Every structure is written in C-alpha cells, then in structure tokens.
Amino acid sequence: MAHTQDEILAGLAELVAEETGLPAGDVQLDKSFTDDLDIDSLSMMTIVVNAQDKFDVEIPDEAVGGLKTVQDAVSYISNAETAKA
C-alpha cells in the first residue's frame, strides 16, 4: 500500500525522533539531514534501515548519499512505493 507524502513525512519524523531524540515536529520537508537536523552518517544509516522496514521499500547504499533533505527521502520512498505497485 502506497503512503501519502504526509504519511511518509510523519513516519520519517517518528524514525528521526526515535534515533536522535529530536522533536518530530523539527523534521520538515525543507530540512537537511546533516546541516539542519545534525544527523551523522551512522544515525542516517539506522534511519534508512528502519525506513526500509517501515515502508517496505529498498534504499540502496548508493542512493543514501543522494538523500540530503527530508524532501529527498520522502520523494525517494514515494517513488519506490509507486514503482513496486
């Protein structure tokens, strides 16, 4: 089942909050994972693994480097879900 972009954003915000302790409300589409949310590479990999499980999509290692903003991740997951359907 494909999720809406709002559902994906909410799910990612929950995963970021669990991993970093940041308030989920701080996770907005225009935020950079590194510059705005101060997420290091290890935490990012944990978030990606958990996002793969949560949304039942595959995010290859080579794609993770392209996920600079929350919007990038939301779009990637949305497109991956659409491609699977």
PDB file of N, CA and C in Angstrom:
ATOM      1  N   MET A   1       0.832  -1.179   0.000  1.00  0.00           N
ATOM      2  CA  MET A   1       0.000   0.000   0.000  1.00  0.00           C
ATOM      3  C   MET A   1       0.882   1.249   0.000  1.00  0.00           C
ATOM      4  N   ALA A   2       0.653   2.101  -0.959  1.00  0.00           N
ATOM      5  CA  ALA A   2       1.428   3.331  -1.036  1.00  0.00           C
ATOM      6  C   ALA A   2       0.929   4.331   0.008  1.00  0.00           C
ATOM      7  N   HIS A   3       1.869   5.028   0.576  1.00  0.00           N
ATOM      8  CA  HIS A   3       1.551   6.045   1.574  1.00  0.00           C
ATOM      9  C   HIS A   3       1.511   7.411   0.904  1.00  0.00           C
ATOM     10  N   THR A   4       0.760   8.320   1.500  1.00  0.00           N
ATOM     11  CA  THR A   4       0.787   9.708   1.024  1.00  0.00           C
ATOM     12  C   THR A   4       2.108  10.333   1.475  1.00  0.00           C
ATOM     13  N   GLN A   5       2.438  11.459   0.852  1.00  0.00           N
ATOM     14  CA  GLN A   5       3.668  12.149   1.254  1.00  0.00           C
ATOM     15  C   GLN A   5       3.587  12.591   2.713  1.00  0.00           C
ATOM     16  N   ASP A   6       2.414  12.987   3.183  1.00  0.00           N
ATOM     17  CA  ASP A   6       2.261  13.373   4.589  1.00  0.00           C
ATOM     18  C   ASP A   6       2.500  12.179   5.518  1.00  0.00           C
ATOM     19  N   GLU A   7       2.020  11.001   5.111  1.00  0.00           N
ATOM     20  CA  GLU A   7       2.230   9.801   5.928  1.00  0.00           C
ATOM     21  C   GLU A   7       3.710   9.421   5.957  1.00  0.00           C
ATOM     22  N   ILE A   8       4.371   9.568   4.816  1.00  0.00           N
ATOM     23  CA  ILE A   8       5.808   9.259   4.774  1.00  0.00           C
ATOM     24  C   ILE A   8       6.576  10.248   5.643  1.00  0.00           C
ATOM     25  N   LEU A   9       6.230  11.541   5.543  1.00  0.00           N
ATOM     26  CA  LEU A   9       6.892  12.559   6.364  1.00  0.00           C
ATOM     27  C   LEU A   9       6.691  12.254   7.850  1.00  0.00           C
ATOM     28  N   ALA A  10       5.476  11.919   8.232  1.00  0.00           N
ATOM     29  CA  ALA A  10       5.197  11.606   9.640  1.00  0.00           C
ATOM     30  C   ALA A  10       5.984  10.381  10.096  1.00  0.00           C
ATOM     31  N   GLY A  11       6.059   9.378   9.233  1.00  0.00           N
ATOM     32  CA  GLY A  11       6.810   8.167   9.568  1.00  0.00           C
ATOM     33  C   GLY A  11       8.296   8.446   9.704  1.00  0.00           C
ATOM     34  N   LEU A  12       8.842   9.241   8.778  1.00  0.00           N
ATOM     35  CA  LEU A  12      10.260   9.601   8.868  1.00  0.00           C
ATOM     36  C   LEU A  12      10.529  10.438  10.116  1.00  0.00           C
ATOM     37  N   ALA A  13       9.628  11.358  10.411  1.00  0.00           N
ATOM     38  CA  ALA A  13       9.799  12.204  11.599  1.00  0.00           C
ATOM     39  C   ALA A  13       9.837  11.338  12.857  1.00  0.00           C
ATOM     40  N   GLU A  14       8.994  10.329  12.897  1.00  0.00           N
ATOM     41  CA  GLU A  14       8.983   9.409  14.038  1.00  0.00           C
ATOM     42  C   GLU A  14      10.313   8.655  14.141  1.00  0.00           C
ATOM     43  N   LEU A  15      10.825   8.183  12.994  1.00  0.00           N
ATOM     44  CA  LEU A  15      12.090   7.447  12.997  1.00  0.00           C
ATOM     45  C   LEU A  15      13.256   8.345  13.414  1.00  0.00           C
ATOM     46  N   VAL A  16      13.258   9.579  12.915  1.00  0.00           N
ATOM     47  CA  VAL A  16      14.318  10.526  13.282  1.00  0.00           C
ATOM     48  C   VAL A  16      14.242  10.830  14.775  1.00  0.00           C
ATOM     49  N   ALA A  17      13.035  11.032  15.278  1.00  0.00           N
ATOM     50  CA  ALA A  17      12.863  11.326  16.705  1.00  0.00           C
ATOM     51  C   ALA A  17      13.357  10.161  17.564  1.00  0.00           C
ATOM     52  N   GLU A  18      13.038   8.940  17.151  1.00  0.00           N
ATOM     53  CA  GLU A  18      13.483   7.763  17.909  1.00  0.00           C
ATOM     54  C   GLU A  18      15.009   7.660  17.913  1.00  0.00           C
ATOM     55  N   GLU A  19      15.642   7.951  16.779  1.00  0.00           N
ATOM     56  CA  GLU A  19      17.088   7.787  16.653  1.00  0.00           C
ATOM     57  C   GLU A  19      17.867   8.919  17.297  1.00  0.00           C
ATOM     58  N   THR A  20      17.348  10.142  17.179  1.00  0.00           N
ATOM     59  CA  THR A  20      18.142  11.304  17.600  1.00  0.00           C
ATOM     60  C   THR A  20      17.627  11.995  18.850  1.00  0.00           C
ATOM     61  N   GLY A  21      16.380  11.775  19.192  1.00  0.00           N
ATOM     62  CA  GLY A  21      15.788  12.486  20.319  1.00  0.00           C
ATOM     63  C   GLY A  21      15.245  13.848  19.941  1.00  0.00           C
ATOM     64  N   LEU A  22      15.392  14.231  18.656  1.00  0.00           N
ATOM     65  CA  LEU A  22      14.818  15.497  18.202  1.00  0.00           C
ATOM     66  C   LEU A  22      13.300  15.409  18.230  1.00  0.00           C
ATOM     67  N   PRO A  23      12.633  16.537  18.478  1.00  0.00           N
ATOM     68  CA  PRO A  23      11.171  16.532  18.365  1.00  0.00           C
ATOM     69  C   PRO A  23      10.765  16.221  16.924  1.00  0.00           C
ATOM     70  N   ALA A  24       9.769  15.373  16.759  1.00  0.00           N
ATOM     71  CA  ALA A  24       9.312  15.004  15.418  1.00  0.00           C
ATOM     72  C   ALA A  24       8.897  16.233  14.621  1.00  0.00           C
ATOM     73  N   GLY A  25       8.407  17.266  15.298  1.00  0.00           N
ATOM     74  CA  GLY A  25       7.979  18.481  14.624  1.00  0.00           C
ATOM     75  C   GLY A  25       9.115  19.244  13.961  1.00  0.00           C
ATOM     76  N   ASP A  26      10.358  18.955  14.373  1.00  0.00           N
ATOM     77  CA  ASP A  26      11.513  19.607  13.749  1.00  0.00           C
ATOM     78  C   ASP A  26      11.831  19.021  12.387  1.00  0.00           C
ATOM     79  N   VAL A  27      11.270  17.862  12.083  1.00  0.00           N
ATOM     80  CA  VAL A  27      11.560  17.182  10.815  1.00  0.00           C
ATOM     81  C   VAL A  27      10.569  17.692   9.768  1.00  0.00           C
ATOM     82  N   GLN A  28      11.040  18.648   8.986  1.00  0.00           N
ATOM     83  CA  GLN A  28      10.221  19.281   7.948  1.00  0.00           C
ATOM     84  C   GLN A  28      10.838  18.997   6.580  1.00  0.00           C
ATOM     85  N   LEU A  29      10.031  19.105   5.538  1.00  0.00           N
ATOM     86  CA  LEU A  29      10.485  18.752   4.191  1.00  0.00           C
ATOM     87  C   LEU A  29      11.730  19.519   3.765  1.00  0.00           C
ATOM     88  N   ASP A  30      11.862  20.762   4.156  1.00  0.00           N
ATOM     89  CA  ASP A  30      12.983  21.571   3.688  1.00  0.00           C
ATOM     90  C   ASP A  30      14.243  21.424   4.531  1.00  0.00           C
ATOM     91  N   LYS A  31      14.220  20.560   5.525  1.00  0.00           N
ATOM     92  CA  LYS A  31      15.372  20.406   6.419  1.00  0.00           C
ATOM     93  C   LYS A  31      16.402  19.450   5.834  1.00  0.00           C
ATOM     94  N   SER A  32      17.656  19.835   5.993  1.00  0.00           N
ATOM     95  CA  SER A  32      18.772  18.978   5.604  1.00  0.00           C
ATOM     96  C   SER A  32      19.054  18.013   6.758  1.00  0.00           C
ATOM     97  N   PHE A  33      19.297  16.758   6.417  1.00  0.00           N
ATOM     98  CA  PHE A  33      19.580  15.788   7.479  1.00  0.00           C
ATOM     99  C   PHE A  33      20.854  16.155   8.240  1.00  0.00           C
ATOM    100  N   THR A  34      21.866  16.636   7.525  1.00  0.00           N
ATOM    101  CA  THR A  34      23.136  16.930   8.192  1.00  0.00           C
ATOM    102  C   THR A  34      23.194  18.359   8.718  1.00  0.00           C
ATOM    103  N   ASP A  35      22.856  19.337   7.891  1.00  0.00           N
ATOM    104  CA  ASP A  35      23.024  20.735   8.280  1.00  0.00           C
ATOM    105  C   ASP A  35      21.976  21.215   9.276  1.00  0.00           C
ATOM    106  N   ASP A  36      20.731  20.819   9.107  1.00  0.00           N
ATOM    107  CA  ASP A  36      19.662  21.311   9.980  1.00  0.00           C
ATOM    108  C   ASP A  36      19.349  20.369  11.141  1.00  0.00           C
ATOM    109  N   LEU A  37      19.375  19.076  10.870  1.00  0.00           N
ATOM    110  CA  LEU A  37      18.979  18.113  11.903  1.00  0.00           C
ATOM    111  C   LEU A  37      20.195  17.480  12.595  1.00  0.00           C
ATOM    112  N   ASP A  38      21.403  17.783  12.094  1.00  0.00           N
ATOM    113  CA  ASP A  38      22.659  17.322  12.703  1.00  0.00           C
ATOM    114  C   ASP A  38      22.699  15.792  12.856  1.00  0.00           C
ATOM    115  N   ILE A  39      22.275  15.104  11.809  1.00  0.00           N
ATOM    116  CA  ILE A  39      22.259  13.645  11.821  1.00  0.00           C
ATOM    117  C   ILE A  39      23.558  13.144  11.192  1.00  0.00           C
ATOM    118  N   ASP A  40      24.313  12.340  11.947  1.00  0.00           N
ATOM    119  CA  ASP A  40      25.576  11.823  11.411  1.00  0.00           C
ATOM    120  C   ASP A  40      25.312  10.592  10.537  1.00  0.00           C
ATOM    121  N   SER A  41      26.360  10.104   9.900  1.00  0.00           N
ATOM    122  CA  SER A  41      26.191   9.020   8.923  1.00  0.00           C
ATOM    123  C   SER A  41      25.704   7.722   9.572  1.00  0.00           C
ATOM    124  N   LEU A  42      26.153   7.432  10.772  1.00  0.00           N
ATOM    125  CA  LEU A  42      25.697   6.218  11.453  1.00  0.00           C
ATOM    126  C   LEU A  42      24.200   6.300  11.778  1.00  0.00           C
ATOM    127  N   SER A  43      23.781   7.429  12.298  1.00  0.00           N
ATOM    128  CA  SER A  43      22.350   7.599  12.597  1.00  0.00           C
ATOM    129  C   SER A  43      21.534   7.578  11.308  1.00  0.00           C
ATOM    130  N   MET A  44      22.089   8.161  10.242  1.00  0.00           N
ATOM    131  CA  MET A  44      21.373   8.172   8.970  1.00  0.00           C
ATOM    132  C   MET A  44      21.167   6.751   8.472  1.00  0.00           C
ATOM    133  N   MET A  45      22.185   5.916   8.602  1.00  0.00           N
ATOM    134  CA  MET A  45      22.034   4.530   8.152  1.00  0.00           C
ATOM    135  C   MET A  45      20.968   3.806   8.987  1.00  0.00           C
ATOM    136  N   THR A  46      20.925   4.059  10.279  1.00  0.00           N
ATOM    137  CA  THR A  46      19.897   3.450  11.133  1.00  0.00           C
ATOM    138  C   THR A  46      18.510   3.907  10.696  1.00  0.00           C
ATOM    139  N   ILE A  47      18.381   5.192  10.419  1.00  0.00           N
ATOM    140  CA  ILE A  47      17.090   5.729   9.972  1.00  0.00           C
ATOM    141  C   ILE A  47      16.696   5.088   8.640  1.00  0.00           C
ATOM    142  N   VAL A  48      17.651   4.947   7.728  1.00  0.00           N
ATOM    143  CA  VAL A  48      17.361   4.344   6.420  1.00  0.00           C
ATOM    144  C   VAL A  48      16.918   2.891   6.584  1.00  0.00           C
ATOM    145  N   VAL A  49      17.625   2.130   7.392  1.00  0.00           N
ATOM    146  CA  VAL A  49      17.254   0.715   7.608  1.00  0.00           C
ATOM    147  C   VAL A  49      15.841   0.636   8.193  1.00  0.00           C
ATOM    148  N   ASN A  50      15.560   1.485   9.175  1.00  0.00           N
ATOM    149  CA  ASN A  50      14.231   1.467   9.781  1.00  0.00           C
ATOM    150  C   ASN A  50      13.158   1.950   8.803  1.00  0.00           C
ATOM    151  N   ALA A  51      13.517   2.907   7.936  1.00  0.00           N
ATOM    152  CA  ALA A  51      12.562   3.388   6.921  1.00  0.00           C
ATOM    153  C   ALA A  51      12.256   2.279   5.911  1.00  0.00           C
ATOM    154  N   GLN A  52      13.275   1.498   5.569  1.00  0.00           N
ATOM    155  CA  GLN A  52      13.045   0.382   4.646  1.00  0.00           C
ATOM    156  C   GLN A  52      12.041  -0.603   5.239  1.00  0.00           C
ATOM    157  N   ASP A  53      12.194  -0.881   6.510  1.00  0.00           N
ATOM    158  CA  ASP A  53      11.265  -1.796   7.182  1.00  0.00           C
ATOM    159  C   ASP A  53       9.873  -1.182   7.288  1.00  0.00           C
ATOM    160  N   LYS A  54       9.824   0.073   7.672  1.00  0.00           N
ATOM    161  CA  LYS A  54       8.533   0.739   7.907  1.00  0.00           C
ATOM    162  C   LYS A  54       7.721   0.869   6.628  1.00  0.00           C
ATOM    163  N   PHE A  55       8.408   1.204   5.519  1.00  0.00           N
ATOM    164  CA  PHE A  55       7.685   1.464   4.275  1.00  0.00           C
ATOM    165  C   PHE A  55       7.818   0.315   3.272  1.00  0.00           C
ATOM    166  N   ASP A  56       8.522  -0.739   3.644  1.00  0.00           N
ATOM    167  CA  ASP A  56       8.682  -1.917   2.795  1.00  0.00           C
ATOM    168  C   ASP A  56       9.232  -1.539   1.410  1.00  0.00           C
ATOM    169  N   VAL A  57      10.300  -0.755   1.429  1.00  0.00           N
ATOM    170  CA  VAL A  57      10.992  -0.381   0.197  1.00  0.00           C
ATOM    171  C   VAL A  57      12.478  -0.651   0.390  1.00  0.00           C
ATOM    172  N   GLU A  58      13.201  -0.716  -0.729  1.00  0.00           N
ATOM    173  CA  GLU A  58      14.652  -0.880  -0.656  1.00  0.00           C
ATOM    174  C   GLU A  58      15.303   0.462  -0.983  1.00  0.00           C
ATOM    175  N   ILE A  59      16.232   0.870  -0.143  1.00  0.00           N
ATOM    176  CA  ILE A  59      17.004   2.085  -0.382  1.00  0.00           C
ATOM    177  C   ILE A  59      18.462   1.646  -0.461  1.00  0.00           C
ATOM    178  N   PRO A  60      18.992   1.481  -1.680  1.00  0.00           N
ATOM    179  CA  PRO A  60      20.371   1.004  -1.827  1.00  0.00           C
ATOM    180  C   PRO A  60      21.370   1.986  -1.215  1.00  0.00           C
ATOM    181  N   ASP A  61      22.520   1.461  -0.772  1.00  0.00           N
ATOM    182  CA  ASP A  61      23.546   2.309  -0.156  1.00  0.00           C
ATOM    183  C   ASP A  61      23.915   3.476  -1.054  1.00  0.00           C
ATOM    184  N   GLU A  62      24.015   3.217  -2.370  1.00  0.00           N
ATOM    185  CA  GLU A  62      24.417   4.285  -3.286  1.00  0.00           C
ATOM    186  C   GLU A  62      23.359   5.386  -3.386  1.00  0.00           C
ATOM    187  N   ALA A  63      22.132   5.100  -3.016  1.00  0.00           N
ATOM    188  CA  ALA A  63      21.075   6.117  -3.055  1.00  0.00           C
ATOM    189  C   ALA A  63      21.070   6.969  -1.793  1.00  0.00           C
ATOM    190  N   VAL A  64      21.597   6.435  -0.714  1.00  0.00           N
ATOM    191  CA  VAL A  64      21.534   7.149   0.572  1.00  0.00           C
ATOM    192  C   VAL A  64      22.273   8.486   0.489  1.00  0.00           C
ATOM    193  N   GLY A  65      23.393   8.543  -0.228  1.00  0.00           N
ATOM    194  CA  GLY A  65      24.150   9.780  -0.365  1.00  0.00           C
ATOM    195  C   GLY A  65      23.361  10.885  -1.052  1.00  0.00           C
ATOM    196  N   GLY A  66      22.370  10.512  -1.841  1.00  0.00           N
ATOM    197  CA  GLY A  66      21.558  11.500  -2.533  1.00  0.00           C
ATOM    198  C   GLY A  66      20.399  12.013  -1.703  1.00  0.00           C
ATOM    199  N   LEU A  67      20.217  11.468  -0.531  1.00  0.00           N
ATOM    200  CA  LEU A  67      19.109  11.887   0.341  1.00  0.00           C
ATOM    201  C   LEU A  67      19.603  12.988   1.264  1.00  0.00           C
ATOM    202  N   LYS A  68      19.716  14.190   0.731  1.00  0.00           N
ATOM    203  CA  LYS A  68      20.255  15.322   1.503  1.00  0.00           C
ATOM    204  C   LYS A  68      19.198  15.968   2.397  1.00  0.00           C
ATOM    205  N   THR A  69      17.976  16.040   1.899  1.00  0.00           N
ATOM    206  CA  THR A  69      16.911  16.694   2.669  1.00  0.00           C
ATOM    207  C   THR A  69      15.802  15.682   2.986  1.00  0.00           C
ATOM    208  N   VAL A  70      14.939  16.072   3.886  1.00  0.00           N
ATOM    209  CA  VAL A  70      13.793  15.230   4.219  1.00  0.00           C
ATOM    210  C   VAL A  70      12.922  15.051   2.975  1.00  0.00           C
ATOM    211  N   GLN A  71      12.800  16.123   2.168  1.00  0.00           N
ATOM    212  CA  GLN A  71      12.019  16.021   0.927  1.00  0.00           C
ATOM    213  C   GLN A  71      12.615  14.961  -0.002  1.00  0.00           C
ATOM    214  N   ASP A  72      13.949  14.904  -0.085  1.00  0.00           N
ATOM    215  CA  ASP A  72      14.600  13.883  -0.919  1.00  0.00           C
ATOM    216  C   ASP A  72      14.173  12.485  -0.468  1.00  0.00           C
ATOM    217  N   ALA A  73      14.164  12.255   0.839  1.00  0.00           N
ATOM    218  CA  ALA A  73      13.809  10.930   1.367  1.00  0.00           C
ATOM    219  C   ALA A  73      12.336  10.619   1.132  1.00  0.00           C
ATOM    220  N   VAL A  74      11.489  11.609   1.365  1.00  0.00           N
ATOM    221  CA  VAL A  74      10.050  11.403   1.142  1.00  0.00           C
ATOM    222  C   VAL A  74       9.795  11.072  -0.320  1.00  0.00           C
ATOM    223  N   SER A  75      10.409  11.806  -1.220  1.00  0.00           N
ATOM    224  CA  SER A  75      10.223  11.553  -2.657  1.00  0.00           C
ATOM    225  C   SER A  75      10.766  10.187  -3.050  1.00  0.00           C
ATOM    226  N   TYR A  76      11.931   9.830  -2.515  1.00  0.00           N
ATOM    227  CA  TYR A  76      12.526   8.539  -2.859  1.00  0.00           C
ATOM    228  C   TYR A  76      11.604   7.395  -2.427  1.00  0.00           C
ATOM    229  N   ILE A  77      11.114   7.471  -1.203  1.00  0.00           N
ATOM    230  CA  ILE A  77      10.235   6.410  -0.687  1.00  0.00           C
ATOM    231  C   ILE A  77       8.929   6.371  -1.487  1.00  0.00           C
ATOM    232  N   SER A  78       8.368   7.528  -1.768  1.00  0.00           N
ATOM    233  CA  SER A  78       7.125   7.585  -2.539  1.00  0.00           C
ATOM    234  C   SER A  78       7.316   6.966  -3.926  1.00  0.00           C
ATOM    235  N   ASN A  79       8.416   7.331  -4.584  1.00  0.00           N
ATOM    236  CA  ASN A  79       8.692   6.773  -5.912  1.00  0.00           C
ATOM    237  C   ASN A  79       8.949   5.268  -5.848  1.00  0.00           C
ATOM    238  N   ALA A  80       9.645   4.823  -4.814  1.00  0.00           N
ATOM    239  CA  ALA A  80       9.925   3.386  -4.669  1.00  0.00           C
ATOM    240  C   ALA A  80       8.628   2.607  -4.441  1.00  0.00           C
ATOM    241  N   GLU A  81       7.720   3.176  -3.649  1.00  0.00           N
ATOM    242  CA  GLU A  81       6.432   2.517  -3.429  1.00  0.00           C
ATOM    243  C   GLU A  81       5.630   2.459  -4.729  1.00  0.00           C
ATOM    244  N   THR A  82       5.643   3.542  -5.483  1.00  0.00           N
ATOM    245  CA  THR A  82       4.908   3.587  -6.747  1.00  0.00           C
ATOM    246  C   THR A  82       5.478   2.571  -7.731  1.00  0.00           C
ATOM    247  N   ALA A  83       6.796   2.465  -7.785  1.00  0.00           N
ATOM    248  CA  ALA A  83       7.438   1.527  -8.706  1.00  0.00           C
ATOM    249  C   ALA A  83       7.111   0.079  -8.350  1.00  0.00           C
ATOM    250  N   LYS A  84       6.919  -0.186  -7.055  1.00  0.00           N
ATOM    251  CA  LYS A  84       6.605  -1.543  -6.589  1.00  0.00           C
ATOM    252  C   LYS A  84       5.175  -1.950  -6.923  1.00  0.00           C
ATOM    253  N   ALA A  85       4.290  -0.960  -6.973  1.00  0.00           N
ATOM    254  CA  ALA A  85       2.853  -1.237  -7.137  1.00  0.00           C
ATOM    255  C   ALA A  85       2.525  -1.751  -8.524  1.00  0.00           C
TER     256      ALA A  85
END
